PDB file of N, CA and C in Angstrom:
ATOM      1  N   MET A   1      97.857  83.859  50.817  1.00  0.00           N
ATOM      2  CA  MET A   1      98.038  85.233  51.223  1.00  0.00           C
ATOM      3  C   MET A   1      99.413  85.370  51.847  1.00  0.00           C
ATOM      4  N   SER A   2     100.162  86.320  51.367  1.00  0.00           N
ATOM      5  CA  SER A   2     101.488  86.572  51.894  1.00  0.00           C
ATOM      6  C   SER A   2     101.465  87.789  52.793  1.00  0.00           C
ATOM      7  N   THR A   3     102.182  87.704  53.896  1.00  0.00           N
ATOM      8  CA  THR A   3     102.278  88.850  54.790  1.00  0.00           C
ATOM      9  C   THR A   3     103.601  89.558  54.602  1.00  0.00           C
ATOM     10  N   GLN A   4     104.394  89.123  53.612  1.00  0.00           N
ATOM     11  CA  GLN A   4     105.676  89.725  53.361  1.00  0.00           C
ATOM     12  C   GLN A   4     105.538  90.745  52.239  1.00  0.00           C
ATOM     13  N   THR A   5     106.220  91.862  52.357  1.00  0.00           N
ATOM     14  CA  THR A   5     106.178  92.874  51.326  1.00  0.00           C
ATOM     15  C   THR A   5     107.560  93.065  50.742  1.00  0.00           C
ATOM     16  N   SER A   6     107.621  93.407  49.469  1.00  0.00           N
ATOM     17  CA  SER A   6     108.909  93.594  48.833  1.00  0.00           C
ATOM     18  C   SER A   6     109.658  94.793  49.408  1.00  0.00           C
ATOM     19  N   ALA A   7     108.940  95.797  49.890  1.00  0.00           N
ATOM     20  CA  ALA A   7     109.576  96.984  50.450  1.00  0.00           C
ATOM     21  C   ALA A   7     110.197  96.708  51.809  1.00  0.00           C
ATOM     22  N   SER A   8     109.809  95.643  52.464  1.00  0.00           N
ATOM     23  CA  SER A   8     110.329  95.316  53.796  1.00  0.00           C
ATOM     24  C   SER A   8     110.888  93.903  53.796  1.00  0.00           C
ATOM     25  N   ALA A   9     112.032  93.730  53.183  1.00  0.00           N
ATOM     26  CA  ALA A   9     112.610  92.409  53.018  1.00  0.00           C
ATOM     27  C   ALA A   9     112.940  91.735  54.338  1.00  0.00           C
ATOM     28  N   HIS A  10     113.096  92.507  55.430  1.00  0.00           N
ATOM     29  CA  HIS A  10     113.447  91.919  56.718  1.00  0.00           C
ATOM     30  C   HIS A  10     112.254  91.260  57.406  1.00  0.00           C
ATOM     31  N   ILE A  11     111.052  91.490  56.913  1.00  0.00           N
ATOM     32  CA  ILE A  11     109.861  90.923  57.545  1.00  0.00           C
ATOM     33  C   ILE A  11     109.817  89.423  57.283  1.00  0.00           C
ATOM     34  N   THR A  12     109.625  88.648  58.340  1.00  0.00           N
ATOM     35  CA  THR A  12     109.545  87.206  58.214  1.00  0.00           C
ATOM     36  C   THR A  12     108.132  86.806  57.802  1.00  0.00           C
ATOM     37  N   PRO A  13     107.938  85.571  57.326  1.00  0.00           N
ATOM     38  CA  PRO A  13     106.588  85.148  56.946  1.00  0.00           C
ATOM     39  C   PRO A  13     105.579  85.239  58.090  1.00  0.00           C
ATOM     40  N   ALA A  14     106.039  85.209  59.339  1.00  0.00           N
ATOM     41  CA  ALA A  14     105.123  85.287  60.482  1.00  0.00           C
ATOM     42  C   ALA A  14     104.890  86.729  60.931  1.00  0.00           C
ATOM     43  N   SER A  15     105.533  87.676  60.270  1.00  0.00           N
ATOM     44  CA  SER A  15     105.357  89.084  60.591  1.00  0.00           C
ATOM     45  C   SER A  15     104.327  89.692  59.653  1.00  0.00           C
ATOM     46  N   VAL A  16     103.684  90.736  60.141  1.00  0.00           N
ATOM     47  CA  VAL A  16     102.697  91.433  59.331  1.00  0.00           C
ATOM     48  C   VAL A  16     102.851  92.926  59.579  1.00  0.00           C
ATOM     49  N   THR A  17     102.626  93.721  58.551  1.00  0.00           N
ATOM     50  CA  THR A  17     102.806  95.160  58.678  1.00  0.00           C
ATOM     51  C   THR A  17     101.644  95.803  59.429  1.00  0.00           C
ATOM     52  N   ALA A  18     101.906  96.989  59.936  1.00  0.00           N
ATOM     53  CA  ALA A  18     100.887  97.743  60.654  1.00  0.00           C
ATOM     54  C   ALA A  18      99.696  98.068  59.759  1.00  0.00           C
ATOM     55  N   GLU A  19      99.954  98.364  58.505  1.00  0.00           N
ATOM     56  CA  GLU A  19      98.873  98.690  57.587  1.00  0.00           C
ATOM     57  C   GLU A  19      97.927  97.507  57.413  1.00  0.00           C
ATOM     58  N   VAL A  20      98.488  96.318  57.295  1.00  0.00           N
ATOM     59  CA  VAL A  20      97.679  95.114  57.147  1.00  0.00           C
ATOM     60  C   VAL A  20      96.875  94.851  58.414  1.00  0.00           C
ATOM     61  N   VAL A  21      97.523  94.979  59.574  1.00  0.00           N
ATOM     62  CA  VAL A  21      96.825  94.755  60.845  1.00  0.00           C
ATOM     63  C   VAL A  21      95.686  95.750  61.006  1.00  0.00           C
ATOM     64  N   ARG A  22      95.914  97.000  60.658  1.00  0.00           N
ATOM     65  CA  ARG A  22      94.843  98.002  60.749  1.00  0.00           C
ATOM     66  C   ARG A  22      93.630  97.575  59.923  1.00  0.00           C
ATOM     67  N   GLY A  23      93.871  97.077  58.725  1.00  0.00           N
ATOM     68  CA  GLY A  23      92.771  96.616  57.882  1.00  0.00           C
ATOM     69  C   GLY A  23      92.041  95.426  58.473  1.00  0.00           C
ATOM     70  N   TRP A  24      92.805  94.479  59.002  1.00  0.00           N
ATOM     71  CA  TRP A  24      92.195  93.298  59.615  1.00  0.00           C
ATOM     72  C   TRP A  24      91.362  93.682  60.826  1.00  0.00           C
ATOM     73  N   LEU A  25      91.882  94.575  61.659  1.00  0.00           N
ATOM     74  CA  LEU A  25      91.137  94.996  62.847  1.00  0.00           C
ATOM     75  C   LEU A  25      89.852  95.723  62.452  1.00  0.00           C
ATOM     76  N   ALA A  26      89.943  96.587  61.477  1.00  0.00           N
ATOM     77  CA  ALA A  26      88.765  97.329  61.022  1.00  0.00           C
ATOM     78  C   ALA A  26      87.685  96.396  60.482  1.00  0.00           C
ATOM     79  N   ALA A  27      88.121  95.298  59.865  1.00  0.00           N
ATOM     80  CA  ALA A  27      87.184  94.335  59.289  1.00  0.00           C
ATOM     81  C   ALA A  27      86.780  93.244  60.276  1.00  0.00           C
ATOM     82  N   GLY A  28      87.310  93.288  61.501  1.00  0.00           N
ATOM     83  CA  GLY A  28      87.007  92.265  62.497  1.00  0.00           C
ATOM     84  C   GLY A  28      87.643  90.924  62.182  1.00  0.00           C
ATOM     85  N   GLU A  29      88.757  90.947  61.444  1.00  0.00           N
ATOM     86  CA  GLU A  29      89.411  89.721  60.988  1.00  0.00           C
ATOM     87  C   GLU A  29      90.627  89.324  61.819  1.00  0.00           C
ATOM     88  N   ALA A  30      90.894  90.046  62.894  1.00  0.00           N
ATOM     89  CA  ALA A  30      92.062  89.733  63.721  1.00  0.00           C
ATOM     90  C   ALA A  30      91.765  89.999  65.176  1.00  0.00           C
ATOM     91  N   VAL A  31      92.453  89.239  66.026  1.00  0.00           N
ATOM     92  CA  VAL A  31      92.461  89.527  67.464  1.00  0.00           C
ATOM     93  C   VAL A  31      93.912  89.874  67.796  1.00  0.00           C
ATOM     94  N   LEU A  32      94.091  91.010  68.448  1.00  0.00           N
ATOM     95  CA  LEU A  32      95.411  91.520  68.767  1.00  0.00           C
ATOM     96  C   LEU A  32      95.766  91.162  70.203  1.00  0.00           C
ATOM     97  N   ILE A  33      96.951  90.598  70.391  1.00  0.00           N
ATOM     98  CA  ILE A  33      97.410  90.155  71.706  1.00  0.00           C
ATOM     99  C   ILE A  33      98.649  90.970  72.081  1.00  0.00           C
ATOM    100  N   ASP A  34      98.510  91.805  73.085  1.00  0.00           N
ATOM    101  CA  ASP A  34      99.567  92.708  73.544  1.00  0.00           C
ATOM    102  C   ASP A  34     100.402  91.968  74.587  1.00  0.00           C
ATOM    103  N   VAL A  35     101.688  91.761  74.303  1.00  0.00           N
ATOM    104  CA  VAL A  35     102.548  90.980  75.203  1.00  0.00           C
ATOM    105  C   VAL A  35     103.395  91.866  76.123  1.00  0.00           C
ATOM    106  N   ARG A  36     103.077  93.161  76.183  1.00  0.00           N
ATOM    107  CA  ARG A  36     103.792  94.054  77.083  1.00  0.00           C
ATOM    108  C   ARG A  36     103.298  93.856  78.514  1.00  0.00           C
ATOM    109  N   GLU A  37     103.898  94.571  79.438  1.00  0.00           N
ATOM    110  CA  GLU A  37     103.523  94.459  80.849  1.00  0.00           C
ATOM    111  C   GLU A  37     102.274  95.307  81.133  1.00  0.00           C
ATOM    112  N   PRO A  38     101.553  94.983  82.210  1.00  0.00           N
ATOM    113  CA  PRO A  38     100.305  95.694  82.521  1.00  0.00           C
ATOM    114  C   PRO A  38     100.438  97.214  82.612  1.00  0.00           C
ATOM    115  N   ASP A  39     101.544  97.718  83.187  1.00  0.00           N
ATOM    116  CA  ASP A  39     101.695  99.167  83.295  1.00  0.00           C
ATOM    117  C   ASP A  39     101.872  99.816  81.926  1.00  0.00           C
ATOM    118  N   GLU A  40     102.568  99.146  81.020  1.00  0.00           N
ATOM    119  CA  GLU A  40     102.732  99.668  79.660  1.00  0.00           C
ATOM    120  C   GLU A  40     101.387  99.694  78.934  1.00  0.00           C
ATOM    121  N   TYR A  41     100.639  98.613  79.075  1.00  0.00           N
ATOM    122  CA  TYR A  41      99.316  98.513  78.463  1.00  0.00           C
ATOM    123  C   TYR A  41      98.396  99.605  79.001  1.00  0.00           C
ATOM    124  N   ALA A  42      98.451  99.846  80.300  1.00  0.00           N
ATOM    125  CA  ALA A  42      97.609 100.873  80.917  1.00  0.00           C
ATOM    126  C   ALA A  42      97.959 102.260  80.394  1.00  0.00           C
ATOM    127  N   ASP A  43      99.247 102.509  80.140  1.00  0.00           N
ATOM    128  CA  ASP A  43      99.672 103.813  79.629  1.00  0.00           C
ATOM    129  C   ASP A  43      99.151 104.065  78.217  1.00  0.00           C
ATOM    130  N   GLU A  44      99.207 103.047  77.378  1.00  0.00           N
ATOM    131  CA  GLU A  44      98.743 103.180  75.996  1.00  0.00           C
ATOM    132  C   GLU A  44      98.631 101.801  75.367  1.00  0.00           C
ATOM    133  N   HIS A  45      97.542 101.583  74.648  1.00  0.00           N
ATOM    134  CA  HIS A  45      97.366 100.321  73.942  1.00  0.00           C
ATOM    135  C   HIS A  45      96.466 100.517  72.732  1.00  0.00           C
ATOM    136  N   ILE A  46      96.472  99.551  71.865  1.00  0.00           N
ATOM    137  CA  ILE A  46      95.595  99.562  70.703  1.00  0.00           C
ATOM    138  C   ILE A  46      94.230  99.083  71.166  1.00  0.00           C
ATOM    139  N   ALA A  47      93.200  99.823  70.813  1.00  0.00           N
ATOM    140  CA  ALA A  47      91.836  99.481  71.238  1.00  0.00           C
ATOM    141  C   ALA A  47      91.507  98.042  70.855  1.00  0.00           C
ATOM    142  N   GLY A  48      90.975  97.308  71.827  1.00  0.00           N
ATOM    143  CA  GLY A  48      90.576  95.927  71.589  1.00  0.00           C
ATOM    144  C   GLY A  48      91.663  94.906  71.826  1.00  0.00           C
ATOM    145  N   ALA A  49      92.896  95.359  72.041  1.00  0.00           N
ATOM    146  CA  ALA A  49      93.993  94.417  72.276  1.00  0.00           C
ATOM    147  C   ALA A  49      93.782  93.692  73.599  1.00  0.00           C
ATOM    148  N   VAL A  50      94.096  92.400  73.605  1.00  0.00           N
ATOM    149  CA  VAL A  50      94.015  91.563  74.793  1.00  0.00           C
ATOM    150  C   VAL A  50      95.402  91.519  75.421  1.00  0.00           C
ATOM    151  N   LEU A  51      95.487  91.776  76.719  1.00  0.00           N
ATOM    152  CA  LEU A  51      96.774  91.775  77.409  1.00  0.00           C
ATOM    153  C   LEU A  51      97.159  90.360  77.826  1.00  0.00           C
ATOM    154  N   LEU A  52      98.364  89.933  77.409  1.00  0.00           N
ATOM    155  CA  LEU A  52      98.927  88.644  77.799  1.00  0.00           C
ATOM    156  C   LEU A  52     100.451  88.839  77.888  1.00  0.00           C
ATOM    157  N   PRO A  53     100.938  89.346  79.041  1.00  0.00           N
ATOM    158  CA  PRO A  53     102.347  89.717  79.170  1.00  0.00           C
ATOM    159  C   PRO A  53     103.323  88.577  78.890  1.00  0.00           C
ATOM    160  N   LEU A  54     104.396  88.921  78.192  1.00  0.00           N
ATOM    161  CA  LEU A  54     105.457  87.960  77.887  1.00  0.00           C
ATOM    162  C   LEU A  54     106.027  87.374  79.170  1.00  0.00           C
ATOM    163  N   SER A  55     106.119  88.176  80.234  1.00  0.00           N
ATOM    164  CA  SER A  55     106.724  87.708  81.486  1.00  0.00           C
ATOM    165  C   SER A  55     105.981  86.535  82.107  1.00  0.00           C
ATOM    166  N   GLY A  56     104.713  86.377  81.798  1.00  0.00           N
ATOM    167  CA  GLY A  56     103.942  85.257  82.336  1.00  0.00           C
ATOM    168  C   GLY A  56     103.239  84.502  81.218  1.00  0.00           C
ATOM    169  N   LEU A  57     103.858  84.479  80.056  1.00  0.00           N
ATOM    170  CA  LEU A  57     103.232  83.906  78.862  1.00  0.00           C
ATOM    171  C   LEU A  57     102.785  82.466  79.093  1.00  0.00           C
ATOM    172  N   ASP A  58     101.504  82.246  78.902  1.00  0.00           N
ATOM    173  CA  ASP A  58     100.898  80.934  79.089  1.00  0.00           C
ATOM    174  C   ASP A  58     100.015  80.661  77.879  1.00  0.00           C
ATOM    175  N   ALA A  59     100.389  79.667  77.095  1.00  0.00           N
ATOM    176  CA  ALA A  59      99.646  79.355  75.871  1.00  0.00           C
ATOM    177  C   ALA A  59      98.179  79.073  76.150  1.00  0.00           C
ATOM    178  N   ALA A  60      97.870  78.564  77.321  1.00  0.00           N
ATOM    179  CA  ALA A  60      96.482  78.250  77.658  1.00  0.00           C
ATOM    180  C   ALA A  60      95.625  79.507  77.790  1.00  0.00           C
ATOM    181  N   GLN A  61      96.270  80.665  77.962  1.00  0.00           N
ATOM    182  CA  GLN A  61      95.531  81.919  78.111  1.00  0.00           C
ATOM    183  C   GLN A  61      95.349  82.675  76.792  1.00  0.00           C
ATOM    184  N   LEU A  62      95.858  82.132  75.715  1.00  0.00           N
ATOM    185  CA  LEU A  62      95.674  82.787  74.422  1.00  0.00           C
ATOM    186  C   LEU A  62      94.187  82.871  74.093  1.00  0.00           C
ATOM    187  N   PRO A  63      93.743  84.007  73.603  1.00  0.00           N
ATOM    188  CA  PRO A  63      92.328  84.104  73.218  1.00  0.00           C
ATOM    189  C   PRO A  63      92.035  83.213  72.015  1.00  0.00           C
ATOM    190  N   GLU A  64      90.813  82.724  71.951  1.00  0.00           N
ATOM    191  CA  GLU A  64      90.397  81.902  70.815  1.00  0.00           C
ATOM    192  C   GLU A  64      90.430  82.742  69.549  1.00  0.00           C
ATOM    193  N   ALA A  65      90.786  82.124  68.452  1.00  0.00           N
ATOM    194  CA  ALA A  65      90.848  82.830  67.179  1.00  0.00           C
ATOM    195  C   ALA A  65      89.451  83.078  66.614  1.00  0.00           C
ATOM    196  N   ALA A  66      88.529  82.149  66.821  1.00  0.00           N
ATOM    197  CA  ALA A  66      87.153  82.277  66.319  1.00  0.00           C
ATOM    198  C   ALA A  66      87.129  82.715  64.856  1.00  0.00           C
ATOM    199  N   GLY A  67      87.973  82.090  64.048  1.00  0.00           N
ATOM    200  CA  GLY A  67      88.011  82.387  62.626  1.00  0.00           C
ATOM    201  C   GLY A  67      88.829  83.618  62.259  1.00  0.00           C
ATOM    202  N   ARG A  68      89.414  84.270  63.264  1.00  0.00           N
ATOM    203  CA  ARG A  68      90.215  85.459  63.009  1.00  0.00           C
ATOM    204  C   ARG A  68      91.700  85.131  63.129  1.00  0.00           C
ATOM    205  N   ARG A  69      92.525  85.998  62.590  1.00  0.00           N
ATOM    206  CA  ARG A  69      93.968  85.852  62.738  1.00  0.00           C
ATOM    207  C   ARG A  69      94.349  86.335  64.140  1.00  0.00           C
ATOM    208  N   ARG A  70      95.316  85.661  64.755  1.00  0.00           N
ATOM    209  CA  ARG A  70      95.812  86.096  66.061  1.00  0.00           C
ATOM    210  C   ARG A  70      97.169  86.753  65.839  1.00  0.00           C
ATOM    211  N   VAL A  71      97.269  88.021  66.256  1.00  0.00           N
ATOM    212  CA  VAL A  71      98.476  88.815  66.020  1.00  0.00           C
ATOM    213  C   VAL A  71      99.051  89.274  67.352  1.00  0.00           C
ATOM    214  N   LEU A  72     100.312  88.937  67.598  1.00  0.00           N
ATOM    215  CA  LEU A  72     101.022  89.366  68.793  1.00  0.00           C
ATOM    216  C   LEU A  72     101.609  90.747  68.554  1.00  0.00           C
ATOM    217  N   GLN A  73     101.660  91.552  69.624  1.00  0.00           N
ATOM    218  CA  GLN A  73     102.127  92.927  69.487  1.00  0.00           C
ATOM    219  C   GLN A  73     102.783  93.389  70.765  1.00  0.00           C
ATOM    220  N   CYS A  74     103.825  94.212  70.630  1.00  0.00           N
ATOM    221  CA  CYS A  74     104.459  94.874  71.768  1.00  0.00           C
ATOM    222  C   CYS A  74     104.743  96.313  71.353  1.00  0.00           C
ATOM    223  N   LEU A  75     105.749  96.952  71.914  1.00  0.00           N
ATOM    224  CA  LEU A  75     106.037  98.341  71.558  1.00  0.00           C
ATOM    225  C   LEU A  75     106.769  98.448  70.220  1.00  0.00           C
ATOM    226  N   THR A  76     107.806  97.608  70.027  1.00  0.00           N
ATOM    227  CA  THR A  76     108.632  97.723  68.825  1.00  0.00           C
ATOM    228  C   THR A  76     108.647  96.469  67.952  1.00  0.00           C
ATOM    229  N   GLY A  77     108.130  95.377  68.455  1.00  0.00           N
ATOM    230  CA  GLY A  77     108.146  94.117  67.716  1.00  0.00           C
ATOM    231  C   GLY A  77     109.123  93.098  68.270  1.00  0.00           C
ATOM    232  N   LYS A  78     110.021  93.518  69.151  1.00  0.00           N
ATOM    233  CA  LYS A  78     111.014  92.587  69.692  1.00  0.00           C
ATOM    234  C   LYS A  78     110.372  91.533  70.597  1.00  0.00           C
ATOM    235  N   ARG A  79     109.603  91.972  71.584  1.00  0.00           N
ATOM    236  CA  ARG A  79     108.985  91.012  72.522  1.00  0.00           C
ATOM    237  C   ARG A  79     107.927  90.164  71.836  1.00  0.00           C
ATOM    238  N   SER A  80     107.201  90.729  70.903  1.00  0.00           N
ATOM    239  CA  SER A  80     106.196  89.909  70.211  1.00  0.00           C
ATOM    240  C   SER A  80     106.886  88.845  69.361  1.00  0.00           C
ATOM    241  N   GLY A  81     108.061  89.156  68.824  1.00  0.00           N
ATOM    242  CA  GLY A  81     108.834  88.151  68.098  1.00  0.00           C
ATOM    243  C   GLY A  81     109.311  87.040  69.016  1.00  0.00           C
ATOM    244  N   ILE A  82     109.729  87.411  70.228  1.00  0.00           N
ATOM    245  CA  ILE A  82     110.142  86.413  71.222  1.00  0.00           C
ATOM    246  C   ILE A  82     108.941  85.552  71.610  1.00  0.00           C
ATOM    247  N   ALA A  83     107.801  86.195  71.840  1.00  0.00           N
ATOM    248  CA  ALA A  83     106.587  85.455  72.197  1.00  0.00           C
ATOM    249  C   ALA A  83     106.183  84.512  71.068  1.00  0.00           C
ATOM    250  N   LEU A  84     106.295  84.977  69.844  1.00  0.00           N
ATOM    251  CA  LEU A  84     105.961  84.153  68.683  1.00  0.00           C
ATOM    252  C   LEU A  84     106.813  82.886  68.669  1.00  0.00           C
ATOM    253  N   GLN A  85     108.113  83.052  68.878  1.00  0.00           N
ATOM    254  CA  GLN A  85     109.017  81.898  68.877  1.00  0.00           C
ATOM    255  C   GLN A  85     108.749  80.982  70.063  1.00  0.00           C
ATOM    256  N   THR A  86     108.522  81.550  71.239  1.00  0.00           N
ATOM    257  CA  THR A  86     108.240  80.765  72.442  1.00  0.00           C
ATOM    258  C   THR A  86     106.999  79.902  72.236  1.00  0.00           C
ATOM    259  N   LEU A  87     105.957  80.504  71.692  1.00  0.00           N
ATOM    260  CA  LEU A  87     104.708  79.766  71.468  1.00  0.00           C
ATOM    261  C   LEU A  87     104.858  78.751  70.333  1.00  0.00           C
ATOM    262  N   ALA A  88     105.640  79.080  69.313  1.00  0.00           N
ATOM    263  CA  ALA A  88     105.897  78.130  68.226  1.00  0.00           C
ATOM    264  C   ALA A  88     106.625  76.904  68.774  1.00  0.00           C
ATOM    265  N   ASP A  89     107.548  77.130  69.707  1.00  0.00           N
ATOM    266  CA  ASP A  89     108.270  76.025  70.338  1.00  0.00           C
ATOM    267  C   ASP A  89     107.327  75.116  71.124  1.00  0.00           C
ATOM    268  N   GLN A  90     106.168  75.651  71.515  1.00  0.00           N
ATOM    269  CA  GLN A  90     105.150  74.875  72.224  1.00  0.00           C
ATOM    270  C   GLN A  90     104.114  74.299  71.257  1.00  0.00           C
ATOM    271  N   GLY A  91     104.358  74.451  69.971  1.00  0.00           N
ATOM    272  CA  GLY A  91     103.475  73.863  68.968  1.00  0.00           C
ATOM    273  C   GLY A  91     102.356  74.765  68.478  1.00  0.00           C
ATOM    274  N   ILE A  92     102.343  76.025  68.893  1.00  0.00           N
ATOM    275  CA  ILE A  92     101.300  76.956  68.441  1.00  0.00           C
ATOM    276  C   ILE A  92     101.866  77.747  67.270  1.00  0.00           C
ATOM    277  N   THR A  93     101.405  77.411  66.091  1.00  0.00           N
ATOM    278  CA  THR A  93     102.008  77.970  64.885  1.00  0.00           C
ATOM    279  C   THR A  93     101.061  78.831  64.062  1.00  0.00           C
ATOM    280  N   ASP A  94      99.892  79.145  64.590  1.00  0.00           N
ATOM    281  CA  ASP A  94      98.939  79.948  63.826  1.00  0.00           C
ATOM    282  C   ASP A  94      98.990  81.425  64.189  1.00  0.00           C
ATOM    283  N   LEU A  95     100.064  81.864  64.817  1.00  0.00           N
ATOM    284  CA  LEU A  95     100.186  83.246  65.267  1.00  0.00           C
ATOM    285  C   LEU A  95     101.042  84.066  64.310  1.00  0.00           C
ATOM    286  N   LEU A  96     100.792  85.355  64.315  1.00  0.00           N
ATOM    287  CA  LEU A  96     101.589  86.327  63.577  1.00  0.00           C
ATOM    288  C   LEU A  96     102.074  87.354  64.584  1.00  0.00           C
ATOM    289  N   HIS A  97     103.012  88.213  64.165  1.00  0.00           N
ATOM    290  CA  HIS A  97     103.361  89.324  65.049  1.00  0.00           C
ATOM    291  C   HIS A  97     103.476  90.600  64.241  1.00  0.00           C
ATOM    292  N   LEU A  98     103.090  91.695  64.893  1.00  0.00           N
ATOM    293  CA  LEU A  98     103.064  93.012  64.277  1.00  0.00           C
ATOM    294  C   LEU A  98     104.481  93.549  64.160  1.00  0.00           C
ATOM    295  N   ASP A  99     104.976  93.636  62.934  1.00  0.00           N
ATOM    296  CA  ASP A  99     106.323  94.137  62.689  1.00  0.00           C
ATOM    297  C   ASP A  99     106.397  95.614  63.083  1.00  0.00           C
ATOM    298  N   GLY A 100     107.301  95.941  63.989  1.00  0.00           N
ATOM    299  CA  GLY A 100     107.460  97.315  64.442  1.00  0.00           C
ATOM    300  C   GLY A 100     106.567  97.689  65.607  1.00  0.00           C
ATOM    301  N   GLY A 101     105.646  96.792  65.987  1.00  0.00           N
ATOM    302  CA  GLY A 101     104.815  96.967  67.168  1.00  0.00           C
ATOM    303  C   GLY A 101     103.931  98.206  67.183  1.00  0.00           C
ATOM    304  N   LEU A 102     103.615  98.646  68.389  1.00  0.00           N
ATOM    305  CA  LEU A 102     102.744  99.785  68.613  1.00  0.00           C
ATOM    306  C   LEU A 102     103.270 101.037  67.914  1.00  0.00           C
ATOM    307  N   LEU A 103     104.580 101.225  67.916  1.00  0.00           N
ATOM    308  CA  LEU A 103     105.146 102.412  67.283  1.00  0.00           C
ATOM    309  C   LEU A 103     104.867 102.426  65.787  1.00  0.00           C
ATOM    310  N   ALA A 104     105.014 101.289  65.125  1.00  0.00           N
ATOM    311  CA  ALA A 104     104.721 101.202  63.691  1.00  0.00           C
ATOM    312  C   ALA A 104     103.231 101.392  63.434  1.00  0.00           C
ATOM    313  N   TYR A 105     102.405 100.853  64.313  1.00  0.00           N
ATOM    314  CA  TYR A 105     100.959 100.990  64.184  1.00  0.00           C
ATOM    315  C   TYR A 105     100.562 102.463  64.222  1.00  0.00           C
ATOM    316  N   LYS A 106     101.125 103.201  65.171  1.00  0.00           N
ATOM    317  CA  LYS A 106     100.833 104.632  65.276  1.00  0.00           C
ATOM    318  C   LYS A 106     101.367 105.393  64.066  1.00  0.00           C
ATOM    319  N   LYS A 107     102.564 105.044  63.623  1.00  0.00           N
ATOM    320  CA  LYS A 107     103.160 105.703  62.462  1.00  0.00           C
ATOM    321  C   LYS A 107     102.311 105.481  61.216  1.00  0.00           C
ATOM    322  N   ALA A 108     101.637 104.330  61.153  1.00  0.00           N
ATOM    323  CA  ALA A 108     100.778 104.006  60.015  1.00  0.00           C
ATOM    324  C   ALA A 108      99.393 104.642  60.152  1.00  0.00           C
ATOM    325  N   GLY A 109      99.202 105.459  61.189  1.00  0.00           N
ATOM    326  CA  GLY A 109      97.935 106.153  61.363  1.00  0.00           C
ATOM    327  C   GLY A 109      96.949 105.457  62.270  1.00  0.00           C
ATOM    328  N   GLY A 110      97.381 104.391  62.919  1.00  0.00           N
ATOM    329  CA  GLY A 110      96.501 103.667  63.827  1.00  0.00           C
ATOM    330  C   GLY A 110      96.283 104.423  65.121  1.00  0.00           C
ATOM    331  N   ALA A 111      95.059 104.398  65.594  1.00  0.00           N
ATOM    332  CA  ALA A 111      94.726 105.078  66.849  1.00  0.00           C
ATOM    333  C   ALA A 111      94.995 104.164  68.044  1.00  0.00           C
ATOM    334  N   THR A 112      95.325 104.786  69.156  1.00  0.00           N
ATOM    335  CA  THR A 112      95.543 104.052  70.404  1.00  0.00           C
ATOM    336  C   THR A 112      94.706 104.674  71.517  1.00  0.00           C
ATOM    337  N   VAL A 113      94.591 103.925  72.602  1.00  0.00           N
ATOM    338  CA  VAL A 113      93.916 104.411  73.809  1.00  0.00           C
ATOM    339  C   VAL A 113      95.006 104.746  74.809  1.00  0.00           C
ATOM    340  N   GLU A 114      95.025 105.985  75.277  1.00  0.00           N
ATOM    341  CA  GLU A 114      96.023 106.399  76.254  1.00  0.00           C
ATOM    342  C   GLU A 114      95.413 106.447  77.645  1.00  0.00           C
ATOM    343  N   ALA A 115      96.259 106.436  78.654  1.00  0.00           N
ATOM    344  CA  ALA A 115      95.804 106.347  80.054  1.00  0.00           C
ATOM    345  C   ALA A 115      94.732 107.370  80.384  1.00  0.00           C
ATOM    346  N   ASP A 116      94.894 108.623  79.999  1.00  0.00           N
ATOM    347  CA  ASP A 116      93.896 109.627  80.358  1.00  0.00           C
ATOM    348  C   ASP A 116      92.576 109.387  79.638  1.00  0.00           C
ATOM    349  N   GLU A 117      92.618 108.807  78.439  1.00  0.00           N
ATOM    350  CA  GLU A 117      91.388 108.474  77.715  1.00  0.00           C
ATOM    351  C   GLU A 117      90.684 107.303  78.372  1.00  0.00           C
ATOM    352  N   ALA A 118      91.456 106.313  78.834  1.00  0.00           N
ATOM    353  CA  ALA A 118      90.868 105.124  79.459  1.00  0.00           C
ATOM    354  C   ALA A 118      90.172 105.494  80.762  1.00  0.00           C
ATOM    355  N   VAL A 119      90.730 106.431  81.512  1.00  0.00           N
ATOM    356  CA  VAL A 119      90.150 106.863  82.768  1.00  0.00           C
ATOM    357  C   VAL A 119      88.855 107.630  82.500  1.00  0.00           C
ATOM    358  N   ALA A 120      88.868 108.438  81.444  1.00  0.00           N
ATOM    359  CA  ALA A 120      87.687 109.247  81.114  1.00  0.00           C
ATOM    360  C   ALA A 120      86.545 108.413  80.552  1.00  0.00           C
ATOM    361  N   ALA A 121      86.852 107.259  80.001  1.00  0.00           N
ATOM    362  CA  ALA A 121      85.834 106.428  79.355  1.00  0.00           C
ATOM    363  C   ALA A 121      84.929 105.734  80.324  1.00  0.00           C
TER     364      ALA A 121
END
């Protein structure tokens, strides 16, 4: 299975598009790891995403894959790419990152949880 698309030549083999991530999440085939800071996550996040901020990134805190793909995500894809490389340098190579981050996910029609919705829930 390739996560690279011909329309997005800049995507690395460890990157995955928002459309693909949406499908995996809907099918229960991925766990999403949000590497933004707690205040950013509180303002808006993808439902079900696990918070693991880049500023305190600890490989021991990564959620278990349990047969699912583990996908790192931030707002634009920059920090998740940094997290991907940092964790790869520690020998963790089964991770992917969401190309374009939360913004690409929303542009692809993905729903998010915003602060006022989280408070109301």
